Amino acid sequence: EFVIEDAQVTRLGLQLEEMLKEMIWFKKKDGVRSGAA
């Protein structure tokens, strides 16, 4: 599910965890933080 605010896509939710009833939410970013994987 995508969240659309003021005609702009701002977030993405994915049902990646079967045990959770809620989605995992990702925030749309222009620049990506180069954190450690």
Full PDB file with SEQRES, HELIX, SHEET, SSBOND, CRYST1, ORIGX, SCALE, CONECT and MASTER records, all heavy atoms in Angstrom:
SEQRES   1 A   37  GLU PHE VAL ILE GLU ASP ALA GLN VAL THR ARG LEU GLY          
SEQRES   2 A   37  LEU GLN LEU GLU GLU MET LEU LYS GLU MET ILE TRP PHE          
SEQRES   3 A   37  LYS LYS LYS ASP GLY VAL ARG SER GLY ALA ALA                  
SHEET    1 AA1 3 PHE A   2  GLU A   5  0                                        
SHEET    2 AA1 3 GLN A   8  LEU A  14 -1                                        
SHEET    3 AA1 3 ILE A  24  LYS A  27 -1                                        
CRYST1    1.000    1.000    1.000  90.00  90.00  90.00 P 1           1          
ORIGX1      1.000000  0.000000  0.000000        0.00000                         
ORIGX2      0.000000  1.000000  0.000000        0.00000                         
ORIGX3      0.000000  0.000000  1.000000        0.00000                         
SCALE1      1.000000  0.000000  0.000000        0.00000                         
SCALE2      0.000000  1.000000  0.000000        0.00000                         
SCALE3      0.000000  0.000000  1.000000        0.00000                         
ATOM      1  N   GLU A   1       0.838  -1.196   0.000  1.00  0.00           N  
ATOM      2  CA  GLU A   1       0.000   0.000   0.000  1.00  0.00           C  
ATOM      3  C   GLU A   1       0.875   1.249   0.000  1.00  0.00           C  
ATOM      4  O   GLU A   1       1.835   1.346   0.771  1.00  0.00           O  
ATOM      5  CB  GLU A   1      -0.911   0.008   1.224  1.00  0.00           C  
ATOM      6  CG  GLU A   1      -1.881   1.174   1.268  1.00  0.00           C  
ATOM      7  CD  GLU A   1      -2.861   1.083   2.419  1.00  0.00           C  
ATOM      8  OE1 GLU A   1      -3.042  -0.038   2.947  1.00  0.00           O  
ATOM      9  OE2 GLU A   1      -3.438   2.117   2.793  1.00  0.00           O  
ATOM     10  N   PHE A   2       0.564   2.179  -0.887  1.00  0.00           N  
ATOM     11  CA  PHE A   2       1.256   3.456  -0.946  1.00  0.00           C  
ATOM     12  C   PHE A   2       0.400   4.521  -0.263  1.00  0.00           C  
ATOM     13  O   PHE A   2      -0.829   4.521  -0.392  1.00  0.00           O  
ATOM     14  CB  PHE A   2       1.531   3.871  -2.393  1.00  0.00           C  
ATOM     15  CG  PHE A   2       2.577   3.046  -3.079  1.00  0.00           C  
ATOM     16  CD1 PHE A   2       2.228   1.903  -3.794  1.00  0.00           C  
ATOM     17  CD2 PHE A   2       3.923   3.394  -3.011  1.00  0.00           C  
ATOM     18  CE1 PHE A   2       3.188   1.137  -4.440  1.00  0.00           C  
ATOM     19  CE2 PHE A   2       4.892   2.631  -3.652  1.00  0.00           C  
ATOM     20  CZ  PHE A   2       4.524   1.500  -4.366  1.00  0.00           C  
ATOM     21  N   VAL A   3       1.030   5.405   0.466  1.00  0.00           N  
ATOM     22  CA  VAL A   3       0.343   6.546   1.067  1.00  0.00           C  
ATOM     23  C   VAL A   3       0.553   7.753   0.160  1.00  0.00           C  
ATOM     24  O   VAL A   3       1.695   8.084  -0.199  1.00  0.00           O  
ATOM     25  CB  VAL A   3       0.876   6.835   2.480  1.00  0.00           C  
ATOM     26  CG1 VAL A   3       0.252   8.121   3.040  1.00  0.00           C  
ATOM     27  CG2 VAL A   3       0.577   5.663   3.408  1.00  0.00           C  
ATOM     28  N   ILE A   4      -0.541   8.384  -0.233  1.00  0.00           N  
ATOM     29  CA  ILE A   4      -0.486   9.545  -1.124  1.00  0.00           C  
ATOM     30  C   ILE A   4      -1.004  10.759  -0.363  1.00  0.00           C  
ATOM     31  O   ILE A   4      -2.135  10.763   0.140  1.00  0.00           O  
ATOM     32  CB  ILE A   4      -1.318   9.302  -2.393  1.00  0.00           C  
ATOM     33  CG1 ILE A   4      -0.809   8.052  -3.122  1.00  0.00           C  
ATOM     34  CG2 ILE A   4      -1.263  10.513  -3.329  1.00  0.00           C  
ATOM     35  CD1 ILE A   4      -1.659   7.640  -4.309  1.00  0.00           C  
ATOM     36  N   GLU A   5      -0.167  11.784  -0.264  1.00  0.00           N  
ATOM     37  CA  GLU A   5      -0.526  13.011   0.434  1.00  0.00           C  
ATOM     38  C   GLU A   5      -0.239  14.211  -0.467  1.00  0.00           C  
ATOM     39  O   GLU A   5       0.887  14.354  -0.960  1.00  0.00           O  
ATOM     40  CB  GLU A   5       0.259  13.141   1.747  1.00  0.00           C  
ATOM     41  CG  GLU A   5      -0.013  12.001   2.733  1.00  0.00           C  
ATOM     42  CD  GLU A   5       0.889  12.048   3.946  1.00  0.00           C  
ATOM     43  OE1 GLU A   5       2.080  12.395   3.790  1.00  0.00           O  
ATOM     44  OE2 GLU A   5       0.408  11.733   5.044  1.00  0.00           O  
ATOM     45  N   ASP A   6      -1.267  15.050  -0.687  1.00  0.00           N  
ATOM     46  CA  ASP A   6      -1.129  16.213  -1.572  1.00  0.00           C  
ATOM     47  C   ASP A   6      -0.596  15.802  -2.941  1.00  0.00           C  
ATOM     48  O   ASP A   6       0.326  16.423  -3.493  1.00  0.00           O  
ATOM     49  CB  ASP A   6      -0.210  17.266  -0.940  1.00  0.00           C  
ATOM     50  CG  ASP A   6      -0.764  17.805   0.376  1.00  0.00           C  
ATOM     51  OD1 ASP A   6      -2.003  17.885   0.495  1.00  0.00           O  
ATOM     52  OD2 ASP A   6       0.052  18.118   1.273  1.00  0.00           O  
ATOM     53  N   ALA A   7      -1.184  14.724  -3.475  1.00  0.00           N  
ATOM     54  CA  ALA A   7      -0.835  14.213  -4.804  1.00  0.00           C  
ATOM     55  C   ALA A   7       0.612  13.734  -4.897  1.00  0.00           C  
ATOM     56  O   ALA A   7       1.144  13.569  -6.002  1.00  0.00           O  
ATOM     57  CB  ALA A   7      -1.108  15.266  -5.878  1.00  0.00           C  
ATOM     58  N   GLN A   8       1.250  13.468  -3.746  1.00  0.00           N  
ATOM     59  CA  GLN A   8       2.617  12.976  -3.722  1.00  0.00           C  
ATOM     60  C   GLN A   8       2.677  11.657  -2.944  1.00  0.00           C  
ATOM     61  O   GLN A   8       2.065  11.531  -1.877  1.00  0.00           O  
ATOM     62  CB  GLN A   8       3.557  13.991  -3.057  1.00  0.00           C  
ATOM     63  CG  GLN A   8       3.648  15.334  -3.766  1.00  0.00           C  
ATOM     64  CD  GLN A   8       4.361  15.226  -5.107  1.00  0.00           C  
ATOM     65  OE1 GLN A   8       5.306  14.441  -5.256  1.00  0.00           O  
ATOM     66  NE2 GLN A   8       3.920  16.013  -6.077  1.00  0.00           N  
ATOM     67  N   VAL A   9       3.401  10.675  -3.480  1.00  0.00           N  
ATOM     68  CA  VAL A   9       3.599   9.410  -2.771  1.00  0.00           C  
ATOM     69  C   VAL A   9       4.638   9.632  -1.684  1.00  0.00           C  
ATOM     70  O   VAL A   9       5.753  10.081  -1.974  1.00  0.00           O  
ATOM     71  CB  VAL A   9       4.052   8.299  -3.731  1.00  0.00           C  
ATOM     72  CG1 VAL A   9       4.290   6.999  -2.962  1.00  0.00           C  
ATOM     73  CG2 VAL A   9       3.026   8.072  -4.827  1.00  0.00           C  
ATOM     74  N   THR A  10       4.275   9.340  -0.445  1.00  0.00           N  
ATOM     75  CA  THR A  10       5.169   9.623   0.683  1.00  0.00           C  
ATOM     76  C   THR A  10       5.659   8.376   1.415  1.00  0.00           C  
ATOM     77  O   THR A  10       6.727   8.390   2.012  1.00  0.00           O  
ATOM     78  CB  THR A  10       4.459  10.531   1.707  1.00  0.00           C  
ATOM     79  OG1 THR A  10       3.259   9.874   2.169  1.00  0.00           O  
ATOM     80  CG2 THR A  10       4.103  11.871   1.076  1.00  0.00           C  
ATOM     81  N   ARG A  11       4.874   7.298   1.386  1.00  0.00           N  
ATOM     82  CA  ARG A  11       5.272   6.093   2.120  1.00  0.00           C  
ATOM     83  C   ARG A  11       4.831   4.839   1.376  1.00  0.00           C  
ATOM     84  O   ARG A  11       3.912   4.876   0.560  1.00  0.00           O  
ATOM     85  CB  ARG A  11       4.686   6.080   3.533  1.00  0.00           C  
ATOM     86  CG  ARG A  11       5.260   7.123   4.477  1.00  0.00           C  
ATOM     87  CD  ARG A  11       4.861   6.830   5.922  1.00  0.00           C  
ATOM     88  NE  ARG A  11       3.418   6.859   6.102  1.00  0.00           N  
ATOM     89  CZ  ARG A  11       2.775   6.294   7.121  1.00  0.00           C  
ATOM     90  NH1 ARG A  11       3.451   5.601   8.030  1.00  0.00           N  
ATOM     91  NH2 ARG A  11       1.457   6.377   7.227  1.00  0.00           N  
ATOM     92  N   LEU A  12       5.501   3.727   1.707  1.00  0.00           N  
ATOM     93  CA  LEU A  12       5.162   2.408   1.156  1.00  0.00           C  
ATOM     94  C   LEU A  12       5.051   1.421   2.298  1.00  0.00           C  
ATOM     95  O   LEU A  12       5.958   1.297   3.134  1.00  0.00           O  
ATOM     96  CB  LEU A  12       6.245   1.941   0.171  1.00  0.00           C  
ATOM     97  CG  LEU A  12       6.224   0.450  -0.224  1.00  0.00           C  
ATOM     98  CD1 LEU A  12       4.933   0.095  -0.953  1.00  0.00           C  
ATOM     99  CD2 LEU A  12       7.440   0.104  -1.073  1.00  0.00           C  
ATOM    100  N   GLY A  13       3.930   0.705   2.351  1.00  0.00           N  
ATOM    101  CA  GLY A  13       3.748  -0.342   3.347  1.00  0.00           C  
ATOM    102  C   GLY A  13       3.763  -1.714   2.693  1.00  0.00           C  
ATOM    103  O   GLY A  13       3.141  -1.925   1.654  1.00  0.00           O  
ATOM    104  N   LEU A  14       4.483  -2.662   3.301  1.00  0.00           N  
ATOM    105  CA  LEU A  14       4.588  -4.026   2.778  1.00  0.00           C  
ATOM    106  C   LEU A  14       4.299  -5.028   3.888  1.00  0.00           C  
ATOM    107  O   LEU A  14       4.808  -4.903   5.007  1.00  0.00           O  
ATOM    108  CB  LEU A  14       5.991  -4.279   2.211  1.00  0.00           C  
ATOM    109  CG  LEU A  14       6.388  -3.486   0.970  1.00  0.00           C  
ATOM    110  CD1 LEU A  14       7.878  -3.672   0.682  1.00  0.00           C  
ATOM    111  CD2 LEU A  14       5.562  -3.915  -0.233  1.00  0.00           C  
ATOM    112  N   GLN A  15       3.508  -6.042   3.579  1.00  0.00           N  
ATOM    113  CA  GLN A  15       3.183  -7.093   4.547  1.00  0.00           C  
ATOM    114  C   GLN A  15       4.279  -8.152   4.504  1.00  0.00           C  
ATOM    115  O   GLN A  15       4.070  -9.296   4.065  1.00  0.00           O  
ATOM    116  CB  GLN A  15       1.825  -7.710   4.212  1.00  0.00           C  
ATOM    117  CG  GLN A  15       1.243  -8.579   5.318  1.00  0.00           C  
ATOM    118  CD  GLN A  15       0.657  -7.758   6.445  1.00  0.00           C  
ATOM    119  OE1 GLN A  15      -0.207  -6.926   6.220  1.00  0.00           O  
ATOM    120  NE2 GLN A  15       1.120  -7.999   7.658  1.00  0.00           N  
ATOM    121  N   LEU A  16       5.467  -7.795   4.983  1.00  0.00           N  
ATOM    122  CA  LEU A  16       6.624  -8.681   4.906  1.00  0.00           C  
ATOM    123  C   LEU A  16       6.727  -9.642   6.081  1.00  0.00           C  
ATOM    124  O   LEU A  16       7.408 -10.662   5.985  1.00  0.00           O  
ATOM    125  CB  LEU A  16       7.916  -7.846   4.818  1.00  0.00           C  
ATOM    126  CG  LEU A  16       8.091  -7.016   3.543  1.00  0.00           C  
ATOM    127  CD1 LEU A  16       9.335  -6.143   3.655  1.00  0.00           C  
ATOM    128  CD2 LEU A  16       8.180  -7.912   2.319  1.00  0.00           C  
ATOM    129  N   GLU A  17       6.089  -9.327   7.182  1.00  0.00           N  
ATOM    130  CA  GLU A  17       6.165 -10.168   8.377  1.00  0.00           C  
ATOM    131  C   GLU A  17       4.814 -10.823   8.611  1.00  0.00           C  
ATOM    132  O   GLU A  17       3.846 -10.162   8.980  1.00  0.00           O  
ATOM    133  CB  GLU A  17       6.575  -9.334   9.595  1.00  0.00           C  
ATOM    134  CG  GLU A  17       7.923  -8.632   9.451  1.00  0.00           C  
ATOM    135  CD  GLU A  17       9.074  -9.599   9.514  1.00  0.00           C  
ATOM    136  OE1 GLU A  17       8.858 -10.744   9.970  1.00  0.00           O  
ATOM    137  OE2 GLU A  17      10.186  -9.216   9.126  1.00  0.00           O  
ATOM    138  N   GLU A  18       4.744 -12.157   8.413  1.00  0.00           N  
ATOM    139  CA  GLU A  18       3.469 -12.865   8.546  1.00  0.00           C  
ATOM    140  C   GLU A  18       2.911 -12.804   9.959  1.00  0.00           C  
ATOM    141  O   GLU A  18       1.699 -12.795  10.156  1.00  0.00           O  
ATOM    142  CB  GLU A  18       3.655 -14.330   8.126  1.00  0.00           C  
ATOM    143  CG  GLU A  18       3.956 -14.513   6.647  1.00  0.00           C  
ATOM    144  CD  GLU A  18       4.051 -15.976   6.275  1.00  0.00           C  
ATOM    145  OE1 GLU A  18       3.809 -16.821   7.159  1.00  0.00           O  
ATOM    146  OE2 GLU A  18       4.358 -16.273   5.107  1.00  0.00           O  
ATOM    147  N   MET A  19       3.785 -12.752  10.953  1.00  0.00           N  
ATOM    148  CA  MET A  19       3.339 -12.774  12.340  1.00  0.00           C  
ATOM    149  C   MET A  19       2.743 -11.429  12.778  1.00  0.00           C  
ATOM    150  O   MET A  19       2.039 -11.367  13.772  1.00  0.00           O  
ATOM    151  CB  MET A  19       4.507 -13.134  13.263  1.00  0.00           C  
ATOM    152  CG  MET A  19       5.113 -14.505  12.989  1.00  0.00           C  
ATOM    153  SD  MET A  19       3.925 -15.846  13.257  1.00  0.00           S  
ATOM    154  CE  MET A  19       3.727 -15.762  15.030  1.00  0.00           C  
ATOM    155  N   LEU A  20       3.044 -10.371  12.044  1.00  0.00           N  
ATOM    156  CA  LEU A  20       2.537  -9.054  12.391  1.00  0.00           C  
ATOM    157  C   LEU A  20       1.262  -8.760  11.612  1.00  0.00           C  
ATOM    158  O   LEU A  20       1.142  -9.082  10.442  1.00  0.00           O  
ATOM    159  CB  LEU A  20       3.581  -7.973  12.082  1.00  0.00           C  
ATOM    160  CG  LEU A  20       4.911  -8.062  12.830  1.00  0.00           C  
ATOM    161  CD1 LEU A  20       5.829  -6.937  12.384  1.00  0.00           C  
ATOM    162  CD2 LEU A  20       4.684  -7.980  14.336  1.00  0.00           C  
ATOM    163  N   LYS A  21       0.317  -8.138  12.269  1.00  0.00           N  
ATOM    164  CA  LYS A  21      -0.916  -7.749  11.590  1.00  0.00           C  
ATOM    165  C   LYS A  21      -0.742  -6.432  10.847  1.00  0.00           C  
ATOM    166  O   LYS A  21      -1.535  -6.102   9.969  1.00  0.00           O  
ATOM    167  CB  LYS A  21      -2.055  -7.636  12.613  1.00  0.00           C  
ATOM    168  CG  LYS A  21      -2.427  -8.964  13.267  1.00  0.00           C  
ATOM    169  CD  LYS A  21      -3.576  -8.795  14.241  1.00  0.00           C  
ATOM    170  CE  LYS A  21      -3.940 -10.132  14.882  1.00  0.00           C  
ATOM    171  NZ  LYS A  21      -5.075  -9.995  15.843  1.00  0.00           N  
ATOM    172  N   GLU A  22       0.279  -5.682  11.203  1.00  0.00           N  
ATOM    173  CA  GLU A  22       0.537  -4.400  10.573  1.00  0.00           C  
ATOM    174  C   GLU A  22       1.599  -4.540   9.490  1.00  0.00           C  
ATOM    175  O   GLU A  22       2.400  -5.461   9.496  1.00  0.00           O  
ATOM    176  CB  GLU A  22       0.995  -3.380  11.617  1.00  0.00           C  
ATOM    177  CG  GLU A  22      -0.032  -3.110  12.700  1.00  0.00           C  
ATOM    178  CD  GLU A  22       0.463  -2.108  13.714  1.00  0.00           C  
ATOM    179  OE1 GLU A  22       1.638  -1.697  13.606  1.00  0.00           O  
ATOM    180  OE2 GLU A  22      -0.314  -1.733  14.604  1.00  0.00           O  
ATOM    181  N   MET A  23       1.600  -3.588   8.575  1.00  0.00           N  
ATOM    182  CA  MET A  23       2.592  -3.570   7.516  1.00  0.00           C  
ATOM    183  C   MET A  23       3.917  -2.978   8.013  1.00  0.00           C  
ATOM    184  O   MET A  23       3.950  -2.277   9.029  1.00  0.00           O  
ATOM    185  CB  MET A  23       2.084  -2.747   6.330  1.00  0.00           C  
ATOM    186  CG  MET A  23       0.950  -3.387   5.558  1.00  0.00           C  
ATOM    187  SD  MET A  23       0.529  -2.422   4.084  1.00  0.00           S  
ATOM    188  CE  MET A  23      -0.632  -3.539   3.279  1.00  0.00           C  
ATOM    189  N   ILE A  24       4.978  -3.286   7.305  1.00  0.00           N  
ATOM    190  CA  ILE A  24       6.269  -2.643   7.528  1.00  0.00           C  
ATOM    191  C   ILE A  24       6.284  -1.389   6.648  1.00  0.00           C  
ATOM    192  O   ILE A  24       6.114  -1.482   5.428  1.00  0.00           O  
ATOM    193  CB  ILE A  24       7.440  -3.566   7.160  1.00  0.00           C  
ATOM    194  CG1 ILE A  24       7.325  -4.901   7.899  1.00  0.00           C  
ATOM    195  CG2 ILE A  24       8.767  -2.884   7.456  1.00  0.00           C  
ATOM    196  CD1 ILE A  24       7.411  -4.804   9.391  1.00  0.00           C  
ATOM    197  N   TRP A  25       6.514  -0.226   7.260  1.00  0.00           N  
ATOM    198  CA  TRP A  25       6.400   1.024   6.516  1.00  0.00           C  
ATOM    199  C   TRP A  25       7.762   1.605   6.168  1.00  0.00           C  
ATOM    200  O   TRP A  25       8.675   1.643   7.003  1.00  0.00           O  
ATOM    201  CB  TRP A  25       5.583   2.042   7.316  1.00  0.00           C  
ATOM    202  CG  TRP A  25       4.122   1.691   7.334  1.00  0.00           C  
ATOM    203  CD1 TRP A  25       3.443   1.036   8.316  1.00  0.00           C  
ATOM    204  CD2 TRP A  25       3.178   1.942   6.288  1.00  0.00           C  
ATOM    205  NE1 TRP A  25       2.133   0.859   7.967  1.00  0.00           N  
ATOM    206  CE2 TRP A  25       1.929   1.410   6.727  1.00  0.00           C  
ATOM    207  CE3 TRP A  25       3.242   2.570   5.045  1.00  0.00           C  
ATOM    208  CZ2 TRP A  25       0.779   1.485   5.959  1.00  0.00           C  
ATOM    209  CZ3 TRP A  25       2.097   2.648   4.276  1.00  0.00           C  
ATOM    210  CH2 TRP A  25       0.882   2.112   4.724  1.00  0.00           C  
ATOM    211  N   PHE A  26       7.857   2.044   4.916  1.00  0.00           N  
ATOM    212  CA  PHE A  26       9.067   2.664   4.378  1.00  0.00           C  
ATOM    213  C   PHE A  26       8.735   4.102   3.980  1.00  0.00           C  
ATOM    214  O   PHE A  26       7.726   4.357   3.322  1.00  0.00           O  
ATOM    215  CB  PHE A  26       9.573   1.903   3.146  1.00  0.00           C  
ATOM    216  CG  PHE A  26      10.004   0.493   3.426  1.00  0.00           C  
ATOM    217  CD1 PHE A  26       9.066  -0.525   3.612  1.00  0.00           C  
ATOM    218  CD2 PHE A  26      11.353   0.160   3.482  1.00  0.00           C  
ATOM    219  CE1 PHE A  26       9.459  -1.827   3.872  1.00  0.00           C  
ATOM    220  CE2 PHE A  26      11.752  -1.144   3.732  1.00  0.00           C  
ATOM    221  CZ  PHE A  26      10.806  -2.140   3.931  1.00  0.00           C  
ATOM    222  N   LYS A  27       9.585   5.033   4.368  1.00  0.00           N  
ATOM    223  CA  LYS A  27       9.382   6.438   4.041  1.00  0.00           C  
ATOM    224  C   LYS A  27      10.141   6.791   2.768  1.00  0.00           C  
ATOM    225  O   LYS A  27      11.328   6.467   2.632  1.00  0.00           O  
ATOM    226  CB  LYS A  27       9.858   7.329   5.195  1.00  0.00           C  
ATOM    227  CG  LYS A  27       9.600   8.807   4.968  1.00  0.00           C  
ATOM    228  CD  LYS A  27      10.061   9.624   6.179  1.00  0.00           C  
ATOM    229  CE  LYS A  27       9.809  11.108   5.959  1.00  0.00           C  
ATOM    230  NZ  LYS A  27      10.281  11.914   7.132  1.00  0.00           N  
ATOM    231  N   LYS A  28       9.462   7.458   1.852  1.00  0.00           N  
ATOM    232  CA  LYS A  28      10.097   7.831   0.597  1.00  0.00           C  
ATOM    233  C   LYS A  28      11.101   8.949   0.845  1.00  0.00           C  
ATOM    234  O   LYS A  28      10.808   9.932   1.524  1.00  0.00           O  
ATOM    235  CB  LYS A  28       9.064   8.277  -0.432  1.00  0.00           C  
ATOM    236  CG  LYS A  28       9.634   8.402  -1.852  1.00  0.00           C  
ATOM    237  CD  LYS A  28       8.559   8.730  -2.867  1.00  0.00           C  
ATOM    238  CE  LYS A  28       9.152   8.755  -4.272  1.00  0.00           C  
ATOM    239  NZ  LYS A  28       8.155   9.143  -5.288  1.00  0.00           N  
ATOM    240  N   LYS A  29      12.289   8.799   0.269  1.00  0.00           N  
ATOM    241  CA  LYS A  29      13.358   9.765   0.502  1.00  0.00           C  
ATOM    242  C   LYS A  29      13.978  10.168  -0.830  1.00  0.00           C  
ATOM    243  O   LYS A  29      14.110   9.347  -1.744  1.00  0.00           O  
ATOM    244  CB  LYS A  29      14.444   9.178   1.405  1.00  0.00           C  
ATOM    245  CG  LYS A  29      13.948   8.786   2.792  1.00  0.00           C  
ATOM    246  CD  LYS A  29      15.033   8.133   3.620  1.00  0.00           C  
ATOM    247  CE  LYS A  29      16.109   9.113   4.021  1.00  0.00           C  
ATOM    248  NZ  LYS A  29      15.657  10.074   5.040  1.00  0.00           N  
ATOM    249  N   ASP A  30      14.397  11.411  -0.898  1.00  0.00           N  
ATOM    250  CA  ASP A  30      15.120  11.878  -2.083  1.00  0.00           C  
ATOM    251  C   ASP A  30      16.554  11.400  -2.046  1.00  0.00           C  
ATOM    252  O   ASP A  30      17.111  10.927  -3.024  1.00  0.00           O  
ATOM    253  CB  ASP A  30      15.081  13.410  -2.160  1.00  0.00           C  
ATOM    254  CG  ASP A  30      13.668  13.921  -2.409  1.00  0.00           C  
ATOM    255  OD1 ASP A  30      12.896  13.187  -3.048  1.00  0.00           O  
ATOM    256  OD2 ASP A  30      13.348  15.021  -1.942  1.00  0.00           O  
ATOM    257  N   GLY A  31      17.172  11.505  -0.862  1.00  0.00           N  
ATOM    258  CA  GLY A  31      18.537  11.018  -0.693  1.00  0.00           C  
ATOM    259  C   GLY A  31      18.529   9.822   0.219  1.00  0.00           C  
ATOM    260  O   GLY A  31      17.750   9.761   1.169  1.00  0.00           O  
ATOM    261  N   VAL A  32      19.386   8.843  -0.022  1.00  0.00           N  
ATOM    262  CA  VAL A  32      19.397   7.603   0.763  1.00  0.00           C  
ATOM    263  C   VAL A  32      20.543   7.625   1.745  1.00  0.00           C  
ATOM    264  O   VAL A  32      21.684   7.888   1.382  1.00  0.00           O  
ATOM    265  CB  VAL A  32      19.544   6.370  -0.151  1.00  0.00           C  
ATOM    266  CG1 VAL A  32      19.518   5.105   0.678  1.00  0.00           C  
ATOM    267  CG2 VAL A  32      18.433   6.361  -1.169  1.00  0.00           C  
ATOM    268  N   ARG A  33      20.200   7.386   2.989  1.00  0.00           N  
ATOM    269  CA  ARG A  33      21.218   7.305   4.020  1.00  0.00           C  
ATOM    270  C   ARG A  33      22.071   6.068   3.787  1.00  0.00           C  
ATOM    271  O   ARG A  33      21.558   4.976   3.591  1.00  0.00           O  
ATOM    272  CB  ARG A  33      20.514   7.219   5.378  1.00  0.00           C  
ATOM    273  CG  ARG A  33      21.419   6.966   6.556  1.00  0.00           C  
ATOM    274  CD  ARG A  33      20.529   6.918   7.793  1.00  0.00           C  
ATOM    275  NE  ARG A  33      21.187   6.220   8.878  1.00  0.00           N  
ATOM    276  CZ  ARG A  33      20.518   5.793   9.938  1.00  0.00           C  
ATOM    277  NH1 ARG A  33      19.231   5.981  10.036  1.00  0.00           N  
ATOM    278  NH2 ARG A  33      21.167   5.169  10.899  1.00  0.00           N  
ATOM    279  N   SER A  34      23.377   6.261   3.812  1.00  0.00           N  
ATOM    280  CA  SER A  34      24.282   5.137   3.524  1.00  0.00           C  
ATOM    281  C   SER A  34      24.633   4.410   4.808  1.00  0.00           C  
ATOM    282  O   SER A  34      25.786   4.333   5.213  1.00  0.00           O  
ATOM    283  CB  SER A  34      25.552   5.652   2.844  1.00  0.00           C  
ATOM    284  OG  SER A  34      26.197   6.594   3.674  1.00  0.00           O  
ATOM    285  N   GLY A  35      23.615   3.899   5.458  1.00  0.00           N  
ATOM    286  CA  GLY A  35      23.823   3.183   6.713  1.00  0.00           C  
ATOM    287  C   GLY A  35      24.358   1.792   6.466  1.00  0.00           C  
ATOM    288  O   GLY A  35      24.408   1.303   5.344  1.00  0.00           O  
ATOM    289  N   ALA A  36      24.764   1.126   7.535  1.00  0.00           N  
ATOM    290  CA  ALA A  36      25.347  -0.202   7.415  1.00  0.00           C  
ATOM    291  C   ALA A  36      24.276  -1.239   7.204  1.00  0.00           C  
ATOM    292  O   ALA A  36      23.235  -1.217   7.819  1.00  0.00           O  
ATOM    293  CB  ALA A  36      26.134  -0.523   8.691  1.00  0.00           C  
ATOM    294  N   ALA A  37      24.512  -2.149   6.287  1.00  0.00           N  
ATOM    295  CA  ALA A  37      23.632  -3.298   6.096  1.00  0.00           C  
ATOM    296  C   ALA A  37      24.241  -4.490   6.802  1.00  0.00           C  
ATOM    297  O   ALA A  37      25.385  -4.454   7.207  1.00  0.00           O  
ATOM    298  CB  ALA A  37      23.449  -3.576   4.617  1.00  0.00           C  
TER     299      ALA A  37                                                      
MASTER        0    0    0    0    3    0    0    6  298    1    0    3          
END                                                                             
